[in-house]
Amino acid sequence: MGDSPPSPFTLRERPSTPPDRPMEETARLGNEIYERHIRHQVEADHHGQVVAIDVESGNWAVGDTVIAATDRLWSHHPAAHDIWSLRVGYRALHHFGGRPLRRAE
């Protein structure tokens, strides 16, 4: 037990500043930034991966999971605190049940 690395959940630190806007506004801004500035850069090579977007600055990072993308964003932009995440090429970030995620059209 003592030899295994600690969980990444225990290593992560959240920014000290909470989000300044309602989640609906963060979602709207994040989707807008993705469509205008990010989508064309990631769709070909990062299909199915997650993009974490700081809606305040427009900075973003890609990772295999929400945690990986967010950690990568924080490593380059530690002040990022109002973050929206999307799955590249899909209409939803997560799914429930037995059906796979639907592709974005």
Protein backbone atom coordinates (compact mmCIF):
# COMPACT_ATOMS: atom_id res chain seq x y z
CA MET A 1 0.00 0.00 0.00
CA GLY A 2 2.70 2.49 0.87
CA ASP A 3 4.48 1.99 -2.47
CA SER A 4 1.62 3.15 -4.70
CA PRO A 5 1.60 6.77 -5.82
CA PRO A 6 -0.96 9.06 -4.20
CA SER A 7 -4.22 9.66 -6.01
CA PRO A 8 -4.15 12.68 -8.37
CA PHE A 9 -7.25 13.90 -6.56
CA THR A 10 -5.22 14.45 -3.40
CA LEU A 11 -2.42 16.24 -5.27
CA ARG A 12 -4.61 18.74 -7.07
CA GLU A 13 -5.08 22.22 -5.71
CA ARG A 14 -7.95 24.35 -6.85
CA PRO A 15 -7.48 28.04 -7.58
CA SER A 16 -8.31 30.21 -4.60
CA THR A 17 -10.65 32.43 -6.60
CA PRO A 18 -14.13 30.95 -7.17
CA PRO A 19 -15.92 31.41 -10.51
CA ASP A 20 -17.28 34.93 -10.93
CA ARG A 21 -20.27 34.05 -13.11
CA PRO A 22 -23.20 31.62 -13.11
CA MET A 23 -22.53 28.19 -14.65
CA GLU A 24 -24.93 28.92 -17.52
CA GLU A 25 -22.84 31.94 -18.51
CA THR A 26 -19.62 29.92 -18.21
CA ALA A 27 -21.16 27.26 -20.49
CA ARG A 28 -22.28 29.84 -23.05
CA LEU A 29 -18.87 31.53 -23.13
CA GLY A 30 -16.98 28.22 -23.19
CA ASN A 31 -19.04 26.90 -26.11
CA GLU A 32 -18.62 30.18 -27.96
CA ILE A 33 -14.82 30.21 -27.48
CA TYR A 34 -14.63 26.57 -28.57
CA GLU A 35 -16.63 27.14 -31.76
CA ARG A 36 -14.78 30.35 -32.75
CA HIS A 37 -11.18 29.63 -31.80
CA ILE A 38 -10.52 26.02 -30.80
CA ARG A 39 -12.67 23.55 -32.74
CA HIS A 40 -10.80 23.84 -36.04
CA GLN A 41 -7.48 23.28 -34.21
CA VAL A 42 -8.44 20.10 -32.35
CA GLU A 43 -11.04 18.13 -34.31
CA ALA A 44 -8.66 16.34 -36.67
CA ASP A 45 -6.11 15.14 -34.12
CA HIS A 46 -7.88 15.04 -30.74
CA HIS A 47 -11.25 13.38 -31.45
CA GLY A 48 -12.75 12.04 -28.21
CA GLN A 49 -10.35 13.93 -25.96
CA VAL A 50 -11.39 16.68 -23.55
CA VAL A 51 -10.72 20.41 -23.95
CA ALA A 52 -10.61 22.54 -20.78
CA ILE A 53 -11.20 26.24 -21.50
CA ASP A 54 -10.60 29.18 -19.17
CA VAL A 55 -13.51 31.36 -20.26
CA GLU A 56 -11.95 34.46 -18.73
CA SER A 57 -8.76 34.42 -20.82
CA GLY A 58 -9.60 31.99 -23.64
CA ASN A 59 -6.61 29.79 -22.72
CA TRP A 60 -7.21 26.09 -23.21
CA ALA A 61 -5.63 22.64 -22.96
CA VAL A 62 -6.40 19.12 -24.21
CA GLY A 63 -6.23 15.88 -22.24
CA ASP A 64 -7.64 12.37 -22.19
CA THR A 65 -9.88 13.19 -19.20
CA VAL A 66 -11.37 16.31 -17.60
CA ILE A 67 -8.78 16.07 -14.83
CA ALA A 68 -5.86 15.72 -17.25
CA ALA A 69 -7.05 18.64 -19.40
CA THR A 70 -7.70 20.85 -16.37
CA ASP A 71 -4.35 19.99 -14.78
CA ARG A 72 -2.57 20.79 -18.06
CA LEU A 73 -4.43 24.12 -18.27
CA TRP A 74 -3.51 24.97 -14.66
CA SER A 75 0.13 24.02 -15.22
CA HIS A 76 0.41 26.69 -17.93
CA HIS A 77 -2.16 29.16 -16.55
CA PRO A 78 -2.39 28.79 -12.75
CA ALA A 79 -4.85 31.69 -12.42
CA ALA A 80 -7.51 29.91 -14.53
CA HIS A 81 -10.59 29.48 -12.37
CA ASP A 82 -13.71 29.68 -14.54
CA ILE A 83 -13.22 26.54 -16.65
CA TRP A 84 -15.59 24.87 -19.13
CA SER A 85 -14.86 21.40 -20.53
CA LEU A 86 -15.99 19.78 -23.79
CA ARG A 87 -15.35 16.44 -25.50
CA VAL A 88 -13.91 16.96 -29.00
CA GLY A 89 -16.29 15.78 -31.71
CA TYR A 90 -19.20 14.95 -29.39
CA ARG A 91 -22.31 16.78 -28.22
CA ALA A 92 -21.79 15.82 -24.57
CA LEU A 93 -18.88 15.48 -22.18
CA HIS A 94 -20.26 12.40 -20.37
CA HIS A 95 -23.00 9.86 -20.96
CA PHE A 96 -25.11 7.61 -18.79
CA GLY A 97 -26.49 4.20 -19.66
CA GLY A 98 -25.59 1.80 -22.40
CA ARG A 99 -25.69 4.08 -25.42
CA PRO A 100 -22.49 5.67 -26.72
CA LEU A 101 -22.09 9.42 -27.01
CA ARG A 102 -23.56 10.97 -30.17
CA ARG A 103 -21.18 12.74 -32.49
CA ALA A 104 -21.63 16.45 -33.03
CA GLU A 105 -23.11 17.42 -36.37
